[in-house]
């Protein structure tokens, strides 16, 4: 709808310009010929999509069926667990056949934020970044701070109810 409105507004402006040009020099056939292609291009503009505006969402960004990456600032990025990563997550919902972490992230800044849904998270490990993790268990929210180079059990990892990891924040 937005692109049609933009095209319609553009077509009105082109028509106004063409009328003004024709009235200024009504004897010039070249003036009329020059406005015709412009008016035709206005209808072609209907196919032009609206400009992209970053809303920080990650639709369909996860290769794992039980992991949803919802939104973030672009500083916490999904990574291959076989490479150097700063954040490793263990979850029974996304098992790793090799026995390592389920999901890994790399961080490209000193701060970062990622909203996600990772059910049955039981362990969070960091390398060179401190992380604050927000989790829920049966509707009860909890926050866990994991220091640089730290390993912290959560939910079933510490004998509690299964938790859903809902947010990661790099804090240093």
Protein backbone atom coordinates (compact mmCIF):
# COMPACT_ATOMS: atom_id res chain seq x y z
CA UNK A 1 0.00 0.00 0.00
CA UNK A 2 2.81 2.38 0.85
CA UNK A 3 4.55 1.94 -2.51
CA UNK A 4 1.30 2.66 -4.38
CA UNK A 5 0.74 5.82 -2.37
CA UNK A 6 4.31 6.89 -3.09
CA UNK A 7 3.87 6.15 -6.81
CA UNK A 8 0.57 8.05 -6.90
CA UNK A 9 2.15 11.04 -5.17
CA UNK A 10 5.06 10.89 -7.62
CA UNK A 11 2.66 10.70 -10.59
CA UNK A 12 0.81 13.83 -9.36
CA UNK A 13 4.13 15.68 -9.02
CA UNK A 14 5.18 14.58 -12.52
CA UNK A 15 1.83 15.67 -13.97
CA UNK A 16 2.07 19.05 -12.24
CA UNK A 17 5.61 19.50 -13.58
CA UNK A 18 4.48 18.50 -17.08
CA UNK A 19 1.55 20.95 -17.04
CA UNK A 20 3.80 23.76 -15.81
CA UNK A 21 6.39 23.01 -18.49
CA UNK A 22 3.75 22.82 -21.22
CA UNK A 23 2.16 26.13 -20.21
CA UNK A 24 5.56 27.84 -20.09
CA UNK A 25 6.38 26.72 -23.62
CA UNK A 26 3.20 25.47 -25.29
CA UNK A 27 4.71 25.68 -28.77
CA UNK A 28 7.48 23.19 -27.96
CA UNK A 29 6.65 19.64 -29.02
CA UNK A 30 9.88 18.47 -27.41
CA UNK A 31 8.57 19.50 -24.01
CA UNK A 32 5.53 17.26 -24.37
CA UNK A 33 7.67 14.40 -25.65
CA UNK A 34 9.98 14.67 -22.65
CA UNK A 35 7.11 14.45 -20.14
CA UNK A 36 5.55 11.32 -21.64
CA UNK A 37 8.40 8.94 -20.70
CA UNK A 38 8.44 10.36 -17.16
CA UNK A 39 4.73 9.67 -16.72
CA UNK A 40 5.23 6.12 -17.99
CA UNK A 41 8.01 5.55 -15.46
CA UNK A 42 5.67 6.61 -12.67
CA UNK A 43 3.50 3.55 -13.31
CA UNK A 44 6.59 1.34 -13.33
CA UNK A 45 7.35 2.70 -9.84
CA UNK A 46 4.36 0.70 -8.52
CA UNK A 47 6.60 -2.38 -8.50
CA UNK A 48 9.30 -0.67 -6.40
CA UNK A 49 9.23 -1.91 -2.80
CA UNK A 50 9.16 0.59 0.07
CA UNK A 51 12.52 1.52 1.59
CA UNK A 52 13.97 -0.91 4.11
CA UNK A 53 13.82 0.16 7.73
CA UNK A 54 15.75 -1.91 10.31
CA UNK A 55 13.44 -3.19 13.04
CA UNK A 56 16.02 -5.58 14.52
CA UNK A 57 13.89 -8.69 13.99
CA UNK A 58 15.35 -12.02 12.89
CA UNK A 59 12.46 -13.80 11.12
CA UNK A 60 13.34 -17.39 10.28
CA UNK A 61 16.97 -16.88 11.30
CA UNK A 62 17.47 -20.12 13.22
CA UNK A 63 18.60 -23.36 11.59
CA UNK A 64 17.29 -25.29 14.64
CA UNK A 65 13.58 -26.13 14.93
CA UNK A 66 13.42 -25.50 18.70
CA UNK A 67 15.39 -22.24 18.74
CA UNK A 68 13.71 -18.96 17.87
CA UNK A 69 15.87 -15.88 17.28
CA UNK A 70 13.42 -13.02 17.68
CA UNK A 71 15.29 -9.71 17.70
CA UNK A 72 18.61 -8.16 18.59
CA UNK A 73 21.04 -5.36 17.97
CA UNK A 74 23.28 -7.36 15.64
CA UNK A 75 26.15 -7.78 18.12
CA UNK A 76 25.29 -11.34 19.21
CA UNK A 77 25.42 -13.61 16.17
CA UNK A 78 24.73 -17.31 15.72
CA UNK A 79 28.01 -19.17 15.20
CA UNK A 80 29.34 -22.63 14.44
CA UNK A 81 30.17 -24.37 17.73
CA UNK A 82 33.32 -25.82 16.12
CA UNK A 83 34.85 -22.33 15.89
CA UNK A 84 35.92 -19.90 18.58
CA UNK A 85 32.75 -18.55 20.17
CA UNK A 86 32.08 -16.33 23.16
CA UNK A 87 28.75 -17.78 24.33
CA UNK A 88 27.80 -21.47 24.44
CA UNK A 89 24.35 -22.72 25.45
CA UNK A 90 23.32 -26.26 26.35
CA UNK A 91 19.69 -27.29 25.87
CA UNK A 92 17.88 -30.61 25.79
CA UNK A 93 15.58 -29.14 23.11
CA UNK A 94 18.52 -28.74 20.67
CA UNK A 95 20.79 -31.72 21.30
CA UNK A 96 24.31 -31.81 19.88
CA UNK A 97 25.16 -35.32 18.59
CA UNK A 98 28.86 -34.62 19.23
CA UNK A 99 28.15 -33.97 22.92
CA UNK A 100 29.17 -30.30 22.99
CA UNK A 101 27.09 -27.16 23.34
CA UNK A 102 23.74 -27.00 21.57
CA UNK A 103 23.93 -23.44 20.29
CA UNK A 104 26.85 -21.00 20.08
CA UNK A 105 27.16 -17.27 19.51
CA UNK A 106 29.96 -14.90 18.69
CA UNK A 107 29.94 -11.30 19.84
CA UNK A 108 31.20 -8.44 17.68
CA UNK A 109 31.18 -5.66 20.27
CA UNK A 110 31.53 -4.88 23.95
CA UNK A 111 27.77 -4.88 24.45
CA UNK A 112 24.96 -6.75 22.74
CA UNK A 113 21.36 -7.86 23.11
CA UNK A 114 19.47 -10.82 21.69
CA UNK A 115 15.88 -11.85 22.37
CA UNK A 116 15.33 -15.53 21.72
CA UNK A 117 13.44 -18.61 22.85
CA UNK A 118 15.54 -21.65 23.74
CA UNK A 119 13.56 -24.18 25.80
CA UNK A 120 15.12 -26.60 28.29
CA UNK A 121 18.33 -24.59 28.68
CA UNK A 122 20.47 -26.08 31.44
CA UNK A 123 23.95 -24.55 31.07
CA UNK A 124 25.43 -21.22 29.90
CA UNK A 125 29.16 -20.80 29.28
CA UNK A 126 31.14 -17.71 28.26
CA UNK A 127 34.70 -17.16 27.11
CA UNK A 128 35.82 -13.54 26.97
CA UNK A 129 32.47 -11.79 27.53
CA UNK A 130 30.32 -11.41 30.63
CA UNK A 131 26.66 -12.19 29.95
CA UNK A 132 23.34 -11.56 31.68
CA UNK A 133 20.72 -14.19 30.81
CA UNK A 134 16.99 -13.82 31.39
CA UNK A 135 15.06 -17.06 31.74
CA UNK A 136 11.55 -18.18 32.62
CA UNK A 137 10.32 -21.33 34.34
CA UNK A 138 6.56 -21.86 34.67
CA UNK A 139 5.97 -18.14 34.13
CA UNK A 140 8.48 -17.07 36.79
CA UNK A 141 11.30 -14.87 35.48
CA UNK A 142 14.87 -15.09 36.69
CA UNK A 143 18.12 -13.37 35.76
CA UNK A 144 21.52 -15.04 35.84
CA UNK A 145 24.87 -13.28 35.48
CA UNK A 146 27.64 -15.34 33.91
CA UNK A 147 31.14 -13.82 34.30
CA UNK A 148 33.86 -13.85 31.63
CA UNK A 149 35.18 -17.39 31.34
CA UNK A 150 32.33 -18.66 33.51
CA UNK A 151 29.99 -21.64 33.43
CA UNK A 152 26.59 -21.38 35.11
CA UNK A 153 23.96 -24.06 35.48
CA UNK A 154 20.32 -23.01 35.14
CA UNK A 155 17.00 -24.81 35.45
CA UNK A 156 17.48 -28.56 35.29
CA UNK A 157 21.24 -27.99 35.44
CA UNK A 158 20.87 -26.99 39.09
CA UNK A 159 17.97 -29.28 40.05
CA UNK A 160 15.18 -26.80 39.27
CA UNK A 161 12.31 -26.80 36.77
CA UNK A 162 13.14 -26.61 33.04
CA UNK A 163 13.84 -23.06 31.91
CA UNK A 164 13.31 -21.14 28.69
CA UNK A 165 16.16 -18.77 27.83
CA UNK A 166 14.49 -15.58 26.59
CA UNK A 167 17.25 -12.96 26.44
CA UNK A 168 21.03 -12.62 26.35
CA UNK A 169 22.85 -9.38 27.11
CA UNK A 170 26.59 -8.95 26.81
CA UNK A 171 27.61 -6.81 29.77
CA UNK A 172 31.36 -6.60 29.35
